[in-house]
Protein backbone atom coordinates (compact mmCIF):
# COMPACT_ATOMS: atom_id res chain seq x y z
CA MET A 1 0.00 0.00 0.00
CA LYS A 2 1.37 3.39 -0.98
CA GLU A 3 1.95 5.69 1.96
CA SER A 4 -0.15 8.89 1.87
CA PRO A 5 -1.78 8.37 -1.55
CA PHE A 6 -3.51 11.23 -3.36
CA ILE A 7 -7.25 11.13 -4.01
CA ALA A 8 -6.66 10.51 -7.72
CA GLU A 9 -4.86 7.29 -6.73
CA PHE A 10 -7.72 5.90 -4.63
CA THR A 11 -9.11 2.55 -5.79
CA GLU A 12 -12.22 0.73 -4.63
CA GLY A 13 -11.55 -1.64 -1.74
CA GLN A 14 -8.35 0.14 -0.69
CA THR A 15 -7.54 1.15 2.90
CA VAL A 16 -5.72 4.49 2.91
CA THR A 17 -3.88 6.63 5.41
CA THR A 18 -3.25 10.08 4.02
CA PHE A 19 -3.46 13.87 4.44
CA LEU A 20 -6.48 15.78 3.15
CA TYR A 21 -8.28 19.09 3.64
CA VAL A 22 -11.82 19.47 5.00
CA ARG A 23 -13.65 21.63 2.51
CA THR A 24 -17.19 21.11 3.82
CA ARG A 25 -18.60 19.50 6.97
CA GLN A 26 -22.25 18.75 7.67
CA GLU A 27 -23.75 17.07 10.72
CA LYS A 28 -26.52 14.68 9.67
CA THR A 29 -28.65 11.86 11.04
CA THR A 30 -29.26 8.40 9.59
CA LYS A 31 -32.77 6.98 9.16
CA ALA A 32 -32.13 5.08 12.38
CA GLY A 33 -31.45 8.34 14.22
CA GLU A 34 -27.68 7.91 14.50
CA PRO A 35 -25.53 11.05 14.06
CA TYR A 36 -22.80 11.15 11.41
CA LEU A 37 -20.60 13.65 9.59
CA ASP A 38 -20.81 14.18 5.85
CA LEU A 39 -17.49 15.63 4.64
CA THR A 40 -15.99 16.81 1.40
CA LEU A 41 -12.23 16.25 1.51
CA LEU A 42 -9.72 17.45 -1.04
CA ASP A 43 -6.09 17.52 -2.05
CA ALA A 44 -4.12 18.74 -5.04
CA THR A 45 -5.56 16.01 -7.28
CA GLY A 46 -9.27 16.29 -6.56
CA SER A 47 -12.01 15.85 -3.97
CA VAL A 48 -13.87 12.95 -2.39
CA SER A 49 -17.02 12.55 -0.32
CA ALA A 50 -16.41 11.04 3.11
CA LYS A 51 -18.51 9.76 5.99
CA VAL A 52 -17.71 9.62 9.70
CA TRP A 53 -20.23 7.25 11.25
CA ALA A 54 -21.46 7.28 14.84
CA ASN A 55 -19.09 4.59 16.13
CA VAL A 56 -16.10 6.74 15.11
CA LEU A 57 -17.73 10.08 15.80
CA LYS A 58 -18.31 9.41 19.51
CA ASP A 59 -14.59 9.52 20.28
CA MET A 60 -13.67 12.78 18.56
CA ASP A 61 -13.99 16.54 18.79
CA LYS A 62 -16.11 17.45 15.76
CA ALA A 63 -15.17 21.12 16.00
CA ALA A 64 -11.51 20.22 15.48
CA LEU A 65 -12.22 18.71 12.07
CA ASP A 66 -11.38 21.77 10.03
CA GLY A 67 -8.54 22.50 7.65
CA ALA A 68 -5.78 19.95 7.13
CA VAL A 69 -6.42 16.49 8.58
CA LYS A 70 -4.83 13.06 8.70
CA VAL A 71 -7.32 10.33 7.86
CA GLN A 72 -7.50 6.57 7.73
CA GLY A 73 -10.38 5.05 5.86
CA PHE A 74 -11.78 2.50 3.46
CA VAL A 75 -12.43 3.47 -0.17
CA GLU A 76 -15.79 2.30 -1.48
CA LYS A 77 -18.15 3.20 -4.31
CA TYR A 78 -21.52 4.85 -3.79
CA GLN A 79 -23.71 5.77 -6.77
CA ASP A 80 -20.75 5.16 -9.09
CA ARG A 81 -18.46 7.60 -7.22
CA MET A 82 -15.60 7.00 -4.82
CA GLN A 83 -16.43 7.56 -1.17
CA LEU A 84 -14.23 7.35 1.92
CA ASN A 85 -15.54 5.51 4.97
CA ILE A 86 -13.44 7.08 7.71
CA LYS A 87 -12.08 4.98 10.56
CA LYS A 88 -9.74 7.58 12.10
CA ILE A 89 -9.41 11.32 11.56
CA ARG A 90 -7.58 14.12 13.39
CA PRO A 91 -6.09 17.55 12.66
CA VAL A 92 -2.62 17.60 11.11
CA GLN A 93 0.16 18.06 13.67
CA GLU A 94 3.65 19.45 13.28
CA GLU A 95 5.25 16.01 13.58
CA ASP A 96 3.28 14.87 10.52
CA ARG A 97 5.82 16.70 8.38
CA GLU A 98 8.27 13.93 9.23
CA SER A 99 5.92 11.39 7.61
CA GLY A 100 5.32 13.31 4.41
CA PHE A 101 2.86 16.12 5.07
CA LYS A 102 3.37 19.29 3.02
CA GLU A 103 0.87 22.08 2.34
CA GLU A 104 1.53 21.60 -1.39
CA ARG A 105 -0.30 18.27 -1.17
CA LEU A 106 -3.55 20.14 -0.58
CA PHE A 107 -3.37 22.68 -3.40
CA LYS A 108 -3.88 21.89 -7.05
CA SER A 109 -1.65 24.24 -9.07
CA THR A 110 -1.39 25.49 -12.63
CA GLU A 111 0.74 23.22 -14.79
CA PHE A 112 2.50 26.24 -16.31
CA PRO A 113 5.46 28.12 -14.71
CA ARG A 114 3.94 31.04 -12.85
CA GLU A 115 6.89 33.42 -12.99
CA GLU A 116 7.13 32.91 -16.74
CA MET A 117 3.42 33.60 -17.16
CA PHE A 118 3.77 36.81 -15.16
CA SER A 119 6.74 37.84 -17.33
CA ARG A 120 4.58 37.31 -20.41
CA LEU A 121 1.91 39.52 -18.86
CA LEU A 122 4.52 42.26 -18.42
CA ALA A 123 5.59 41.78 -22.04
CA PHE A 124 2.03 42.47 -23.18
CA LEU A 125 2.00 45.62 -21.04
CA GLU A 126 5.09 46.86 -22.91
CA ARG A 127 2.90 47.12 -26.02
CA VAL A 128 0.70 49.78 -24.38
CA GLU A 129 1.48 53.21 -25.85
CA ASP A 130 -0.63 55.43 -23.58
CA ALA A 131 2.01 56.54 -21.03
CA PRO A 132 -0.28 57.35 -18.04
CA LEU A 133 -2.22 54.13 -18.61
CA LYS A 134 0.97 52.10 -18.84
CA GLU A 135 2.28 53.74 -15.67
CA MET A 136 -0.91 52.91 -13.78
CA MET A 137 -0.97 49.30 -14.93
CA SER A 138 2.70 48.82 -14.04
CA VAL A 139 1.86 49.74 -10.46
CA VAL A 140 -1.24 47.51 -10.46
CA LEU A 141 0.71 44.47 -11.64
CA ARG A 142 3.51 45.14 -9.17
CA ASP A 143 1.06 45.40 -6.28
CA PHE A 144 -0.95 42.33 -7.27
CA LYS A 145 1.86 40.06 -8.45
CA ASP A 146 1.78 37.75 -5.43
CA HIS A 147 -2.01 37.52 -5.61
CA LEU A 148 -1.87 36.59 -9.29
CA LEU A 149 0.81 33.96 -8.72
CA PHE A 150 -1.23 32.14 -6.09
CA HIS A 151 -4.93 32.99 -6.44
CA PRO A 152 -7.57 30.84 -8.16
CA ALA A 153 -9.79 32.39 -10.82
CA SER A 154 -12.96 30.95 -9.30
CA ARG A 155 -14.20 28.79 -6.44
CA SER A 156 -14.88 25.76 -8.63
CA LEU A 157 -16.12 26.64 -12.14
CA HIS A 158 -12.85 27.25 -13.97
CA HIS A 159 -9.14 27.71 -13.19
CA ALA A 160 -9.91 26.88 -9.54
CA PHE A 161 -6.31 26.23 -8.53
CA VAL A 162 -3.13 27.97 -7.41
CA GLY A 163 -2.11 30.40 -10.15
CA GLY A 164 -5.45 29.96 -11.88
CA LEU A 165 -6.20 33.68 -11.93
CA LEU A 166 -2.84 34.39 -13.59
CA GLU A 167 -3.31 31.61 -16.15
CA HIS A 168 -6.83 32.83 -16.99
CA THR A 169 -5.81 36.50 -17.12
CA LEU A 170 -2.88 35.81 -19.44
CA SER A 171 -5.08 33.74 -21.73
CA VAL A 172 -7.74 36.48 -21.87
CA VAL A 173 -5.07 39.09 -22.65
CA HIS A 174 -3.62 36.83 -25.35
CA THR A 175 -7.03 36.39 -27.02
CA SER A 176 -7.91 40.08 -26.60
CA VAL A 177 -4.75 41.08 -28.46
CA TYR A 178 -5.75 38.74 -31.28
CA PHE A 179 -9.20 40.36 -31.43
CA ALA A 180 -7.70 43.87 -31.37
CA GLU A 181 -5.38 43.08 -34.27
CA LYS A 182 -8.02 41.22 -36.28
CA TYR A 183 -10.78 43.82 -35.91
CA GLY A 184 -8.75 47.03 -35.59
CA LEU A 185 -9.69 47.72 -31.96
CA ASP A 186 -7.95 49.88 -29.36
CA LEU A 187 -5.01 47.69 -28.32
CA ASP A 188 -4.19 49.71 -25.19
CA ILE A 189 -7.74 49.44 -23.90
CA MET A 190 -7.96 45.75 -24.78
CA ILE A 191 -4.72 44.78 -23.02
CA CYS A 192 -5.44 46.75 -19.86
CA GLY A 193 -9.13 45.86 -19.74
CA ALA A 194 -8.27 42.17 -20.03
CA MET A 195 -5.67 42.48 -17.25
CA LEU A 196 -8.17 44.20 -14.97
CA HIS A 197 -11.39 42.31 -15.69
CA ASP A 198 -11.12 39.67 -12.93
CA LEU A 199 -8.43 41.18 -10.71
CA ALA A 200 -10.78 41.91 -7.81
CA LYS A 201 -11.37 38.18 -7.42
CA VAL A 202 -8.40 38.34 -5.06
CA TRP A 203 -10.75 40.28 -2.76
CA GLU A 204 -13.84 38.21 -3.57
CA ILE A 205 -12.51 34.69 -2.90
CA SER A 206 -10.35 33.57 0.01
CA ASN A 207 -7.00 32.08 -0.97
CA ASP A 208 -7.22 28.73 0.81
CA PRO A 209 -8.44 25.28 -0.26
CA LYS A 210 -12.02 26.06 0.82
CA ARG A 211 -12.12 29.12 -1.45
CA ASP A 212 -15.04 30.62 0.44
CA TYR A 213 -16.38 34.04 -0.49
CA THR A 214 -15.10 36.87 1.67
CA VAL A 215 -17.59 39.22 3.32
CA ARG A 216 -16.87 41.86 0.67
CA GLY A 217 -17.07 39.22 -2.00
CA ARG A 218 -20.57 38.21 -0.90
CA LEU A 219 -21.83 41.74 -0.41
CA LEU A 220 -20.23 43.45 -3.42
CA GLY A 221 -18.81 40.91 -5.89
CA HIS A 222 -15.66 41.17 -7.98
CA VAL A 223 -17.28 43.22 -10.75
CA VAL A 224 -18.10 46.22 -8.55
CA MET A 225 -14.90 45.84 -6.52
CA GLY A 226 -12.94 45.71 -9.78
CA ARG A 227 -14.34 49.08 -10.82
CA ASP A 228 -13.45 50.44 -7.37
CA LEU A 229 -9.93 49.01 -7.68
CA LEU A 230 -9.46 50.76 -11.01
CA ARG A 231 -10.74 54.08 -9.70
CA GLY A 232 -8.37 53.89 -6.75
CA TYR A 233 -5.29 53.46 -8.92
CA ALA A 234 -6.48 55.93 -11.57
CA SER A 235 -6.81 58.65 -8.93
CA LYS A 236 -3.05 58.46 -8.30
CA VAL A 237 -1.95 58.87 -11.93
CA GLU A 238 -1.63 62.23 -13.64
CA GLY A 239 -2.69 62.61 -17.24
CA LEU A 240 -5.01 59.62 -17.55
CA LYS A 241 -7.76 60.61 -19.96
CA PRO A 242 -11.28 60.59 -18.49
CA GLU A 243 -12.61 58.73 -21.54
CA THR A 244 -9.94 56.05 -21.08
CA LEU A 245 -10.99 55.54 -17.47
CA VAL A 246 -14.67 55.33 -18.40
CA HIS A 247 -13.95 52.79 -21.13
CA LEU A 248 -11.96 50.58 -18.75
CA GLU A 249 -14.69 50.88 -16.13
CA HIS A 250 -17.21 49.79 -18.75
CA ILE A 251 -15.11 46.75 -19.67
CA ILE A 252 -14.90 45.67 -16.03
CA LEU A 253 -18.60 46.23 -15.37
CA SER A 254 -19.73 44.47 -18.56
CA HIS A 255 -17.25 41.60 -18.87
CA GLN A 256 -19.79 39.03 -17.59
CA GLY A 257 -21.71 39.76 -20.77
CA GLU A 258 -25.37 39.64 -19.73
CA ARG A 259 -27.36 40.99 -16.80
CA GLU A 260 -28.52 37.49 -15.92
CA TRP A 261 -24.82 36.59 -15.63
CA SER A 262 -24.30 39.33 -12.98
CA ALA A 263 -23.17 42.08 -15.36
CA PRO A 264 -24.49 45.50 -14.20
CA VAL A 265 -24.34 46.62 -17.85
CA VAL A 266 -23.94 44.71 -21.11
CA PRO A 267 -20.94 45.33 -23.42
CA GLN A 268 -21.61 48.44 -25.50
CA THR A 269 -18.25 48.97 -27.24
CA PRO A 270 -16.38 46.61 -29.56
CA GLU A 271 -13.54 46.40 -27.04
CA ALA A 272 -15.88 45.51 -24.18
CA MET A 273 -17.57 42.83 -26.27
CA ALA A 274 -14.20 41.42 -27.31
CA VAL A 275 -12.95 41.18 -23.70
CA HIS A 276 -16.21 39.51 -22.70
CA LEU A 277 -15.86 36.97 -25.51
CA ALA A 278 -12.21 36.31 -24.63
CA ASP A 279 -13.13 35.83 -20.96
CA ASN A 280 -16.15 33.65 -21.67
CA SER A 281 -14.38 31.45 -24.19
CA ASP A 282 -11.39 30.84 -21.90
CA ALA A 283 -13.62 29.93 -18.95
CA LYS A 284 -15.71 27.54 -21.02
CA MET A 285 -12.74 25.93 -22.76
CA GLU A 286 -11.18 25.28 -19.34
CA MET A 287 -14.42 23.54 -18.31
CA PHE A 288 -14.22 21.35 -21.42
CA ARG A 289 -10.51 20.76 -20.87
CA LYS A 290 -10.98 19.75 -17.24
CA THR A 291 -13.81 17.37 -18.10
CA VAL A 292 -11.82 15.68 -20.88
CA LEU A 293 -8.68 15.33 -18.75
CA GLU A 294 -10.18 14.64 -15.32
CA GLY A 295 -13.77 13.48 -15.90
CA ASP A 296 -15.29 10.76 -13.74
CA GLY A 297 -15.83 7.21 -14.96
CA GLU A 298 -14.99 5.36 -18.15
CA GLU A 299 -17.98 6.49 -20.21
CA ASP A 300 -17.44 8.33 -23.51
CA PHE A 301 -19.64 11.25 -22.42
CA GLN A 302 -19.98 13.19 -19.19
CA TYR A 303 -22.75 15.66 -18.38
CA HIS A 304 -21.63 19.14 -17.34
CA LYS A 305 -24.23 20.89 -15.17
CA ILE A 306 -22.96 24.43 -15.77
CA LEU A 307 -22.62 24.05 -19.53
CA GLU A 308 -25.86 22.02 -19.66
CA ARG A 309 -24.59 19.46 -22.15
CA TYR A 310 -22.78 16.18 -22.50
CA ILE A 311 -19.06 16.47 -23.23
CA PHE A 312 -17.35 13.84 -25.39
CA LYS A 313 -14.20 12.77 -23.55
CA LYS A 314 -12.64 10.31 -25.97
CA GLY A 315 -12.22 12.19 -29.23
CA THR A 316 -9.80 14.96 -28.24
CA ALA A 317 -6.05 14.91 -28.80
CA GLU A 318 -3.62 15.45 -25.92
CA LEU A 319 -4.63 18.69 -24.17
CA LYS A 320 -2.05 18.93 -21.42
CA GLY A 321 0.22 21.94 -21.83
CA LYS A 322 -1.33 23.00 -25.13
CA TYR A 323 -2.36 26.55 -24.34
CA PRO A 324 -1.33 29.00 -27.09
CA PHE A 325 0.84 31.23 -24.93
CA PHE A 326 3.38 28.41 -24.48
């Protein structure tokens, strides 16, 4: 038996002892009236449903089951999905590092080199000709570099991993530049609008494996906070044209595309529409990519609830590492 296997390595009938992260925890009751815990556990390779039944639960502090934990359990299948029947579980302790625990086990990360992606983002910024705009964006990228290197782009829908926000942002910039050159759009606005469109997600979503919404994230959302972020930096730069600021604000406020998709306004300029399309296409292609590479089961098709369609998993060539900016 492999010591400390990852979730992706679990097989039915296996007994595992490993390190995982408690993403959700619900106290429930069986039909017979027995209490149990329904958990969602995760690591860098995926997530798994887990149960702590009454005979195990009676000997533990339920409140302590939060964050990183060491578990021992039996892997079984329930409704065609892996499930962990937990026999022992406790919070991770410092001495667990001697037996293989590292925080990196818990975080799925972008497969692309993050520093190189950030350098490519800076290279795109060099193409901006508007001096005050370029100055402002240089400060923005400097201030948010660490956030971009580590933050996910969403809680679970797309690019929900370490460096996901950077990977998504770079891809949207890349596609936006293509649109600008193809359709004769304002390249400066496109580059900077694409860089800014999701940046406030660093304030909306917490940067831990649970990826819960922050208080501001719940109450305001990244779209409104993104406009506020832009206004804050713009107020410190001399010479930025008012019409440039308004256009960038419009791109941020409209990048979700439709009001029913949480956009306060719909795209009303070619540049805003292009950034929306670049953003939307990258998010959806990542959903397809993830399903093809990581989908459950051996079936040819898998249903995607968000995209509301079946995705064919068998007919696509190797996708790993095939993004156009590498």
